[in-house]
């Protein structure tokens, strides 16, 4: 009986150690990936639409959990709903829409941002659901942050812009 209790205790202790190591590994992986520049890391689906525009890990986790729990991301991809494109292009979040716009309009946006107004400012304001004048002011005031070098790419500009609004 004592041997059986001891074996049971050792098994539980070993399981606990494995669990703690797993949790530590997941947390470490999260810390190392915290500096990744993902514009819209949750993809498409109902969860991505429900928490659209919110920043931080909690809304991202809720969006991913919603998509995974209800399987709506798969349905959205196959049916072309919930912000998904059945041809493979992700269209669900405002960040990815802003990125797609800036990829095609970087030069004009740079000119408009330096002036604080223009067609690309108005269009981005509509995409991001913010006031056009406010976005123009933010863009002009923070031009050096948005465009830290001459060869900045659309991903960096989008990430910088989303961090400012």
N, C-alpha and C. Protein backbone atom coordinates (compact mmCIF):
# COMPACT_ATOMS: atom_id res chain seq x y z
N UNK A 1 0.82 -1.19 0.00
CA UNK A 1 0.00 0.00 0.00
C UNK A 1 0.87 1.26 0.00
N UNK A 2 1.90 1.29 0.82
CA UNK A 2 2.79 2.44 0.89
C UNK A 2 3.51 2.62 -0.44
N UNK A 3 3.93 1.53 -1.05
CA UNK A 3 4.61 1.59 -2.34
C UNK A 3 3.67 2.15 -3.40
N UNK A 4 2.43 1.75 -3.36
CA UNK A 4 1.44 2.23 -4.32
C UNK A 4 1.21 3.74 -4.15
N UNK A 5 1.11 4.20 -2.92
CA UNK A 5 0.93 5.63 -2.65
C UNK A 5 2.16 6.43 -3.11
N UNK A 6 3.34 5.88 -2.86
CA UNK A 6 4.58 6.55 -3.24
C UNK A 6 4.66 6.66 -4.78
N UNK A 7 4.32 5.59 -5.48
CA UNK A 7 4.34 5.60 -6.94
C UNK A 7 3.32 6.61 -7.49
N UNK A 8 2.17 6.66 -6.88
CA UNK A 8 1.14 7.61 -7.29
C UNK A 8 1.63 9.04 -7.08
N UNK A 9 2.27 9.30 -5.96
CA UNK A 9 2.82 10.62 -5.67
C UNK A 9 3.90 10.99 -6.68
N UNK A 10 4.78 10.07 -7.01
CA UNK A 10 5.86 10.34 -7.95
C UNK A 10 5.31 10.62 -9.35
N UNK A 11 4.26 9.90 -9.74
CA UNK A 11 3.65 10.13 -11.05
C UNK A 11 3.04 11.53 -11.12
N UNK A 12 2.34 11.94 -10.05
CA UNK A 12 1.73 13.27 -10.03
C UNK A 12 2.80 14.35 -10.05
N UNK A 13 3.87 14.12 -9.33
CA UNK A 13 4.96 15.09 -9.28
C UNK A 13 5.61 15.24 -10.66
N UNK A 14 5.79 14.11 -11.35
CA UNK A 14 6.38 14.14 -12.67
C UNK A 14 5.46 14.86 -13.67
N UNK A 15 4.16 14.62 -13.56
CA UNK A 15 3.18 15.28 -14.41
C UNK A 15 3.17 16.78 -14.16
N UNK A 16 3.27 17.18 -12.90
CA UNK A 16 3.30 18.59 -12.54
C UNK A 16 4.54 19.26 -13.12
N UNK A 17 5.68 18.61 -13.05
CA UNK A 17 6.91 19.17 -13.61
C UNK A 17 6.77 19.36 -15.12
N UNK A 18 6.19 18.37 -15.80
CA UNK A 18 6.00 18.49 -17.24
C UNK A 18 5.06 19.66 -17.56
N UNK A 19 4.02 19.81 -16.77
CA UNK A 19 3.07 20.90 -16.99
C UNK A 19 3.74 22.25 -16.81
N UNK A 20 4.54 22.37 -15.75
CA UNK A 20 5.24 23.62 -15.50
C UNK A 20 6.24 23.93 -16.61
N UNK A 21 6.92 22.92 -17.09
CA UNK A 21 7.86 23.13 -18.19
C UNK A 21 7.13 23.56 -19.47
N UNK A 22 5.99 22.98 -19.72
CA UNK A 22 5.19 23.35 -20.89
C UNK A 22 4.73 24.79 -20.80
N UNK A 23 4.22 25.18 -19.64
CA UNK A 23 3.77 26.56 -19.44
C UNK A 23 4.94 27.53 -19.61
N UNK A 24 6.10 27.18 -19.04
CA UNK A 24 7.28 28.03 -19.17
C UNK A 24 7.71 28.16 -20.63
N UNK A 25 7.65 27.09 -21.38
CA UNK A 25 8.03 27.12 -22.79
C UNK A 25 7.08 28.00 -23.59
N UNK A 26 5.79 27.90 -23.31
CA UNK A 26 4.79 28.72 -24.02
C UNK A 26 5.00 30.20 -23.69
N UNK A 27 5.23 30.51 -22.43
CA UNK A 27 5.46 31.90 -22.04
C UNK A 27 6.74 32.44 -22.67
N UNK A 28 7.78 31.63 -22.71
CA UNK A 28 9.04 32.06 -23.32
C UNK A 28 8.85 32.31 -24.81
N UNK A 29 8.12 31.45 -25.47
CA UNK A 29 7.86 31.64 -26.90
C UNK A 29 7.07 32.92 -27.13
N UNK A 30 6.13 33.20 -26.26
CA UNK A 30 5.36 34.44 -26.37
C UNK A 30 6.22 35.67 -26.18
N UNK A 31 7.16 35.61 -25.26
CA UNK A 31 8.05 36.75 -25.02
C UNK A 31 8.94 37.00 -26.23
N UNK A 32 9.46 35.93 -26.83
CA UNK A 32 10.35 36.10 -27.98
C UNK A 32 9.61 36.56 -29.22
N UNK A 33 8.33 36.24 -29.31
CA UNK A 33 7.57 36.65 -30.49
C UNK A 33 6.87 37.99 -30.28
N UNK A 34 7.03 38.60 -29.12
CA UNK A 34 6.33 39.86 -28.83
C UNK A 34 6.76 41.00 -29.74
N UNK A 35 7.94 40.96 -30.30
CA UNK A 35 8.41 42.04 -31.15
C UNK A 35 8.10 41.81 -32.62
N UNK A 36 7.36 40.78 -32.95
CA UNK A 36 7.00 40.52 -34.35
C UNK A 36 6.07 41.63 -34.84
N UNK A 37 6.22 42.01 -36.09
CA UNK A 37 5.41 43.08 -36.65
C UNK A 37 4.25 42.52 -37.45
N UNK A 38 3.29 41.97 -36.78
CA UNK A 38 2.11 41.46 -37.46
C UNK A 38 1.08 42.57 -37.53
N UNK A 39 0.57 42.83 -38.69
CA UNK A 39 -0.43 43.86 -38.84
C UNK A 39 -1.78 43.34 -38.38
N UNK A 40 -2.11 42.16 -38.77
CA UNK A 40 -3.39 41.57 -38.40
C UNK A 40 -3.15 40.09 -38.14
N UNK A 41 -2.75 39.77 -36.94
CA UNK A 41 -2.25 38.43 -36.66
C UNK A 41 -3.34 37.39 -36.44
N UNK A 42 -4.60 37.79 -36.37
CA UNK A 42 -5.64 36.80 -36.12
C UNK A 42 -6.33 36.30 -37.37
N UNK A 43 -6.01 36.87 -38.51
CA UNK A 43 -6.62 36.41 -39.76
C UNK A 43 -8.05 36.86 -39.89
N UNK A 44 -8.87 36.04 -40.51
CA UNK A 44 -10.27 36.40 -40.72
C UNK A 44 -11.15 35.50 -39.86
N UNK A 45 -12.44 35.76 -39.85
CA UNK A 45 -13.38 34.98 -39.07
C UNK A 45 -14.20 35.87 -38.17
N UNK A 46 -15.21 35.29 -37.54
CA UNK A 46 -16.11 36.04 -36.67
C UNK A 46 -15.36 36.70 -35.52
N UNK A 47 -14.40 36.00 -34.94
CA UNK A 47 -13.63 36.57 -33.84
C UNK A 47 -12.85 37.79 -34.26
N UNK A 48 -12.28 37.76 -35.45
CA UNK A 48 -11.53 38.91 -35.96
C UNK A 48 -12.45 40.09 -36.22
N UNK A 49 -13.67 39.83 -36.65
CA UNK A 49 -14.62 40.90 -36.88
C UNK A 49 -15.14 41.46 -35.56
N UNK A 50 -15.37 40.59 -34.58
CA UNK A 50 -15.92 41.02 -33.30
C UNK A 50 -14.96 41.93 -32.54
N UNK A 51 -13.67 41.68 -32.64
CA UNK A 51 -12.68 42.47 -31.91
C UNK A 51 -11.87 43.36 -32.84
N UNK A 52 -12.41 43.69 -33.99
CA UNK A 52 -11.72 44.53 -34.98
C UNK A 52 -11.34 45.87 -34.36
N UNK A 53 -10.10 46.27 -34.64
CA UNK A 53 -9.63 47.58 -34.21
C UNK A 53 -9.07 47.65 -32.81
N UNK A 54 -9.24 46.59 -32.02
CA UNK A 54 -8.72 46.61 -30.66
C UNK A 54 -7.27 46.15 -30.65
N UNK A 55 -6.49 46.69 -29.73
CA UNK A 55 -5.07 46.39 -29.65
C UNK A 55 -4.77 45.53 -28.43
N UNK A 56 -3.67 44.81 -28.49
CA UNK A 56 -3.18 44.06 -27.34
C UNK A 56 -3.43 42.57 -27.45
N UNK A 57 -2.80 41.84 -26.56
CA UNK A 57 -2.89 40.38 -26.62
C UNK A 57 -4.25 39.82 -26.23
N UNK A 58 -4.97 40.46 -25.33
CA UNK A 58 -6.26 39.92 -24.88
C UNK A 58 -7.27 39.89 -26.03
N UNK A 59 -7.50 40.99 -26.76
CA UNK A 59 -8.44 40.90 -27.89
C UNK A 59 -7.98 39.91 -28.96
N UNK A 60 -6.66 39.81 -29.18
CA UNK A 60 -6.16 38.85 -30.16
C UNK A 60 -6.46 37.43 -29.71
N UNK A 61 -6.23 37.14 -28.43
CA UNK A 61 -6.52 35.80 -27.91
C UNK A 61 -8.01 35.49 -27.99
N UNK A 62 -8.84 36.48 -27.67
CA UNK A 62 -10.29 36.27 -27.76
C UNK A 62 -10.72 36.02 -29.21
N UNK A 63 -10.14 36.77 -30.14
CA UNK A 63 -10.48 36.57 -31.55
C UNK A 63 -10.08 35.19 -32.04
N UNK A 64 -8.87 34.78 -31.71
CA UNK A 64 -8.38 33.46 -32.13
C UNK A 64 -9.20 32.35 -31.48
N UNK A 65 -9.52 32.53 -30.19
CA UNK A 65 -10.31 31.52 -29.48
C UNK A 65 -11.70 31.40 -30.08
N UNK A 66 -12.30 32.54 -30.39
CA UNK A 66 -13.63 32.52 -31.02
C UNK A 66 -13.58 31.81 -32.37
N UNK A 67 -12.58 32.16 -33.17
CA UNK A 67 -12.46 31.52 -34.48
C UNK A 67 -12.24 30.01 -34.34
N UNK A 68 -11.39 29.61 -33.41
CA UNK A 68 -11.08 28.19 -33.24
C UNK A 68 -12.21 27.39 -32.61
N UNK A 69 -12.87 27.98 -31.63
CA UNK A 69 -13.93 27.28 -30.91
C UNK A 69 -15.13 26.98 -31.80
N UNK A 70 -15.53 27.96 -32.58
CA UNK A 70 -16.73 27.81 -33.37
C UNK A 70 -16.47 27.35 -34.81
N UNK A 71 -15.21 27.27 -35.20
CA UNK A 71 -14.87 26.79 -36.53
C UNK A 71 -15.32 27.72 -37.64
N UNK A 72 -15.59 28.98 -37.30
CA UNK A 72 -16.13 29.90 -38.30
C UNK A 72 -15.09 30.42 -39.28
N UNK A 73 -13.81 30.30 -38.92
CA UNK A 73 -12.77 30.75 -39.84
C UNK A 73 -12.74 29.84 -41.07
N UNK A 74 -12.85 28.55 -40.85
CA UNK A 74 -12.89 27.60 -41.95
C UNK A 74 -14.10 27.85 -42.84
N UNK A 75 -15.24 28.06 -42.21
CA UNK A 75 -16.46 28.36 -42.96
C UNK A 75 -16.30 29.66 -43.75
N UNK A 76 -15.72 30.68 -43.11
CA UNK A 76 -15.53 31.96 -43.77
C UNK A 76 -14.62 31.86 -44.98
N UNK A 77 -13.56 31.08 -44.87
CA UNK A 77 -12.63 30.92 -45.98
C UNK A 77 -13.32 30.21 -47.15
N UNK A 78 -14.07 29.17 -46.84
CA UNK A 78 -14.70 28.40 -47.92
C UNK A 78 -15.90 29.12 -48.53
N UNK A 79 -16.56 29.99 -47.76
CA UNK A 79 -17.75 30.67 -48.29
C UNK A 79 -17.51 32.12 -48.68
N UNK A 80 -16.34 32.66 -48.30
CA UNK A 80 -16.05 34.06 -48.63
C UNK A 80 -16.74 35.04 -47.71
N UNK A 81 -17.12 34.62 -46.50
CA UNK A 81 -17.77 35.51 -45.53
C UNK A 81 -16.84 35.77 -44.35
N UNK A 82 -17.30 36.54 -43.40
CA UNK A 82 -16.57 36.84 -42.15
C UNK A 82 -15.21 37.48 -42.41
N UNK A 83 -15.12 38.28 -43.45
CA UNK A 83 -13.87 38.96 -43.76
C UNK A 83 -12.84 38.09 -44.44
N UNK A 84 -13.24 36.92 -44.91
CA UNK A 84 -12.30 36.00 -45.56
C UNK A 84 -12.48 36.05 -47.08
N UNK A 85 -11.39 35.85 -47.77
CA UNK A 85 -11.40 35.81 -49.22
C UNK A 85 -11.10 34.36 -49.64
N UNK A 86 -12.01 33.69 -50.33
CA UNK A 86 -11.78 32.30 -50.70
C UNK A 86 -10.58 32.10 -51.64
N UNK A 87 -10.04 33.19 -52.18
CA UNK A 87 -8.90 33.08 -53.07
C UNK A 87 -7.58 33.29 -52.35
N UNK A 88 -7.62 33.37 -51.03
CA UNK A 88 -6.39 33.37 -50.25
C UNK A 88 -5.94 34.69 -49.70
N UNK A 89 -6.56 35.80 -50.06
CA UNK A 89 -6.15 37.10 -49.56
C UNK A 89 -6.95 37.41 -48.30
N UNK A 90 -6.27 37.76 -47.22
CA UNK A 90 -6.95 38.07 -45.97
C UNK A 90 -7.46 39.50 -46.03
N UNK A 91 -8.75 39.66 -45.76
CA UNK A 91 -9.37 40.98 -45.83
C UNK A 91 -10.09 41.37 -44.56
N UNK A 92 -9.93 40.59 -43.50
CA UNK A 92 -10.76 40.75 -42.31
C UNK A 92 -10.55 41.97 -41.46
N UNK A 93 -9.34 42.40 -41.23
CA UNK A 93 -9.13 43.46 -40.27
C UNK A 93 -8.76 44.78 -40.91
N UNK A 94 -8.94 45.83 -40.13
CA UNK A 94 -8.62 47.16 -40.64
C UNK A 94 -7.13 47.28 -40.91
N UNK A 95 -6.29 46.61 -40.13
CA UNK A 95 -4.85 46.67 -40.35
C UNK A 95 -4.45 46.11 -41.70
N UNK A 96 -5.03 44.99 -42.07
CA UNK A 96 -4.69 44.41 -43.37
C UNK A 96 -5.24 45.24 -44.52
N UNK A 97 -6.40 45.87 -44.31
CA UNK A 97 -6.95 46.74 -45.35
C UNK A 97 -6.09 47.99 -45.51
N UNK A 98 -5.64 48.55 -44.39
CA UNK A 98 -4.76 49.72 -44.45
C UNK A 98 -3.44 49.35 -45.13
N UNK A 99 -2.91 48.19 -44.80
CA UNK A 99 -1.67 47.73 -45.43
C UNK A 99 -1.85 47.59 -46.94
N UNK A 100 -2.93 46.96 -47.35
CA UNK A 100 -3.17 46.78 -48.79
C UNK A 100 -3.27 48.13 -49.49
N UNK A 101 -3.91 49.09 -48.85
CA UNK A 101 -4.02 50.42 -49.44
C UNK A 101 -2.66 51.10 -49.53
N UNK A 102 -1.89 51.04 -48.43
CA UNK A 102 -0.59 51.72 -48.42
C UNK A 102 0.41 51.07 -49.36
N UNK A 103 0.31 49.78 -49.57
CA UNK A 103 1.22 49.11 -50.51
C UNK A 103 1.11 49.72 -51.90
N UNK A 104 -0.06 50.18 -52.24
CA UNK A 104 -0.30 50.74 -53.58
C UNK A 104 -0.24 52.26 -53.63
N UNK A 105 -0.14 52.91 -52.46
CA UNK A 105 -0.23 54.38 -52.43
C UNK A 105 0.82 55.03 -51.52
N UNK A 106 1.97 54.40 -51.36
CA UNK A 106 2.98 54.89 -50.42
C UNK A 106 3.47 56.30 -50.76
N UNK A 107 3.81 56.55 -52.00
CA UNK A 107 4.36 57.86 -52.37
C UNK A 107 3.34 58.98 -52.16
N UNK A 108 2.12 58.74 -52.59
CA UNK A 108 1.09 59.76 -52.42
C UNK A 108 0.77 59.96 -50.94
N UNK A 109 0.73 58.86 -50.18
CA UNK A 109 0.47 58.99 -48.74
C UNK A 109 1.58 59.79 -48.07
N UNK A 110 2.82 59.58 -48.45
CA UNK A 110 3.94 60.34 -47.88
C UNK A 110 3.76 61.84 -48.14
N UNK A 111 3.36 62.19 -49.35
CA UNK A 111 3.14 63.61 -49.67
C UNK A 111 1.96 64.17 -48.88
N UNK A 112 0.87 63.39 -48.82
CA UNK A 112 -0.31 63.86 -48.08
C UNK A 112 -0.03 63.93 -46.58
N UNK A 113 0.72 62.97 -46.06
CA UNK A 113 1.04 62.96 -44.63
C UNK A 113 1.90 64.15 -44.25
N UNK A 114 2.81 64.52 -45.12
CA UNK A 114 3.67 65.68 -44.82
C UNK A 114 2.86 66.98 -44.82
N UNK A 115 1.79 67.03 -45.62
CA UNK A 115 0.92 68.21 -45.66
C UNK A 115 -0.19 68.15 -44.60
N UNK A 116 -0.51 66.95 -44.15
CA UNK A 116 -1.57 66.80 -43.15
C UNK A 116 -2.97 66.67 -43.73
N UNK A 117 -3.07 66.56 -45.04
CA UNK A 117 -4.38 66.38 -45.69
C UNK A 117 -4.17 65.83 -47.09
N UNK A 118 -5.25 65.31 -47.65
CA UNK A 118 -5.18 64.78 -49.01
C UNK A 118 -6.07 63.57 -49.17
N UNK A 119 -6.12 63.11 -50.40
CA UNK A 119 -7.02 62.00 -50.74
C UNK A 119 -6.66 60.71 -50.00
N UNK A 120 -5.36 60.41 -49.88
CA UNK A 120 -4.99 59.17 -49.18
C UNK A 120 -5.29 59.25 -47.69
N UNK A 121 -5.19 60.44 -47.11
CA UNK A 121 -5.56 60.63 -45.70
C UNK A 121 -7.05 60.36 -45.53
N UNK A 122 -7.86 60.93 -46.43
CA UNK A 122 -9.31 60.72 -46.36
C UNK A 122 -9.67 59.25 -46.51
N UNK A 123 -9.02 58.57 -47.46
CA UNK A 123 -9.31 57.15 -47.69
C UNK A 123 -8.91 56.30 -46.49
N UNK A 124 -7.71 56.53 -45.97
CA UNK A 124 -7.25 55.78 -44.79
C UNK A 124 -8.14 56.05 -43.59
N UNK A 125 -8.59 57.27 -43.43
CA UNK A 125 -9.50 57.60 -42.33
C UNK A 125 -10.78 56.76 -42.43
N UNK A 126 -11.27 56.59 -43.65
CA UNK A 126 -12.45 55.75 -43.85
C UNK A 126 -12.17 54.29 -43.53
N UNK A 127 -11.03 53.80 -43.97
CA UNK A 127 -10.66 52.40 -43.70
C UNK A 127 -10.51 52.16 -42.20
N UNK A 128 -9.85 53.11 -41.52
CA UNK A 128 -9.55 52.94 -40.10
C UNK A 128 -10.66 53.46 -39.19
N UNK A 129 -11.71 54.03 -39.78
CA UNK A 129 -12.85 54.54 -39.03
C UNK A 129 -12.43 55.60 -38.02
N UNK A 130 -11.62 56.57 -38.48
CA UNK A 130 -11.21 57.70 -37.65
C UNK A 130 -11.51 58.99 -38.42
N UNK A 131 -11.51 60.10 -37.72
CA UNK A 131 -11.74 61.39 -38.32
C UNK A 131 -10.59 61.76 -39.25
N UNK A 132 -10.91 62.22 -40.44
CA UNK A 132 -9.90 62.55 -41.45
C UNK A 132 -8.97 63.67 -40.98
N UNK A 133 -9.53 64.70 -40.36
CA UNK A 133 -8.71 65.80 -39.88
C UNK A 133 -7.76 65.35 -38.78
N UNK A 134 -8.26 64.49 -37.90
CA UNK A 134 -7.41 63.96 -36.81
C UNK A 134 -6.27 63.12 -37.39
N UNK A 135 -6.60 62.26 -38.36
CA UNK A 135 -5.57 61.44 -38.99
C UNK A 135 -4.55 62.30 -39.72
N UNK A 136 -5.01 63.36 -40.39
CA UNK A 136 -4.10 64.27 -41.06
C UNK A 136 -3.16 64.95 -40.08
N UNK A 137 -3.70 65.38 -38.96
CA UNK A 137 -2.87 66.03 -37.93
C UNK A 137 -1.85 65.06 -37.34
N UNK A 138 -2.30 63.84 -37.05
CA UNK A 138 -1.39 62.81 -36.50
C UNK A 138 -0.29 62.50 -37.51
N UNK A 139 -0.67 62.36 -38.78
CA UNK A 139 0.30 62.02 -39.83
C UNK A 139 1.34 63.12 -40.01
N UNK A 140 0.88 64.36 -40.01
CA UNK A 140 1.81 65.47 -40.20
C UNK A 140 2.73 65.63 -38.99
N UNK A 141 2.16 65.58 -37.80
CA UNK A 141 2.93 65.75 -36.56
C UNK A 141 3.96 64.63 -36.38
N UNK A 142 3.60 63.42 -36.78
CA UNK A 142 4.45 62.25 -36.56
C UNK A 142 5.06 61.71 -37.86
N UNK A 143 5.27 62.60 -38.81
CA UNK A 143 5.78 62.17 -40.11
C UNK A 143 7.09 61.39 -39.98
N UNK A 144 8.00 61.86 -39.12
CA UNK A 144 9.31 61.19 -38.94
C UNK A 144 9.14 59.80 -38.32
N UNK A 145 8.10 59.61 -37.55
CA UNK A 145 7.83 58.28 -36.98
C UNK A 145 7.25 57.35 -38.05
N UNK A 146 6.36 57.88 -38.87
CA UNK A 146 5.76 57.07 -39.93
C UNK A 146 6.77 56.70 -41.00
N UNK A 147 7.65 57.64 -41.33
CA UNK A 147 8.64 57.43 -42.39
C UNK A 147 10.04 57.69 -41.82
N UNK A 148 10.58 56.73 -41.05
CA UNK A 148 11.89 56.94 -40.41
C UNK A 148 13.06 56.94 -41.38
N UNK A 149 12.86 56.44 -42.60
CA UNK A 149 13.92 56.44 -43.60
C UNK A 149 13.29 56.52 -45.00
N UNK A 150 14.13 56.77 -45.99
CA UNK A 150 13.64 56.87 -47.36
C UNK A 150 13.14 55.55 -47.92
N UNK A 151 13.68 54.45 -47.42
CA UNK A 151 13.32 53.13 -47.96
C UNK A 151 12.41 52.34 -47.03
N UNK A 152 11.59 53.03 -46.25
CA UNK A 152 10.65 52.35 -45.36
C UNK A 152 9.61 51.61 -46.20
N UNK A 153 9.16 50.46 -45.71
CA UNK A 153 8.16 49.70 -46.47
C UNK A 153 6.76 49.90 -45.89
N UNK A 154 5.78 49.45 -46.63
CA UNK A 154 4.37 49.66 -46.25
C UNK A 154 4.02 48.99 -44.93
N UNK A 155 4.64 47.85 -44.63
CA UNK A 155 4.34 47.17 -43.36
C UNK A 155 4.75 48.05 -42.19
N UNK A 156 5.96 48.61 -42.25
CA UNK A 156 6.42 49.47 -41.16
C UNK A 156 5.57 50.73 -41.02
N UNK A 157 5.20 51.33 -42.14
CA UNK A 157 4.35 52.52 -42.09
C UNK A 157 3.01 52.17 -41.47
N UNK A 158 2.44 51.05 -41.87
CA UNK A 158 1.13 50.63 -41.32
C UNK A 158 1.23 50.36 -39.84
N UNK A 159 2.24 49.64 -39.40
CA UNK A 159 2.42 49.34 -37.97
C UNK A 159 2.59 50.64 -37.19
N UNK A 160 3.41 51.55 -37.71
CA UNK A 160 3.64 52.83 -37.03
C UNK A 160 2.36 53.65 -36.97
N UNK A 161 1.60 53.67 -38.06
CA UNK A 161 0.36 54.43 -38.10
C UNK A 161 -0.66 53.87 -37.10
N UNK A 162 -0.80 52.55 -37.09
CA UNK A 162 -1.77 51.93 -36.17
C UNK A 162 -1.39 52.16 -34.72
N UNK A 163 -0.09 52.26 -34.43
CA UNK A 163 0.36 52.52 -33.06
C UNK A 163 0.05 53.96 -32.65
N UNK A 164 -0.02 54.87 -33.61
CA UNK A 164 -0.27 56.28 -33.31
C UNK A 164 -1.75 56.61 -33.13
N UNK A 165 -2.63 55.84 -33.76
CA UNK A 165 -4.07 56.20 -33.66
C UNK A 165 -4.76 55.43 -32.56
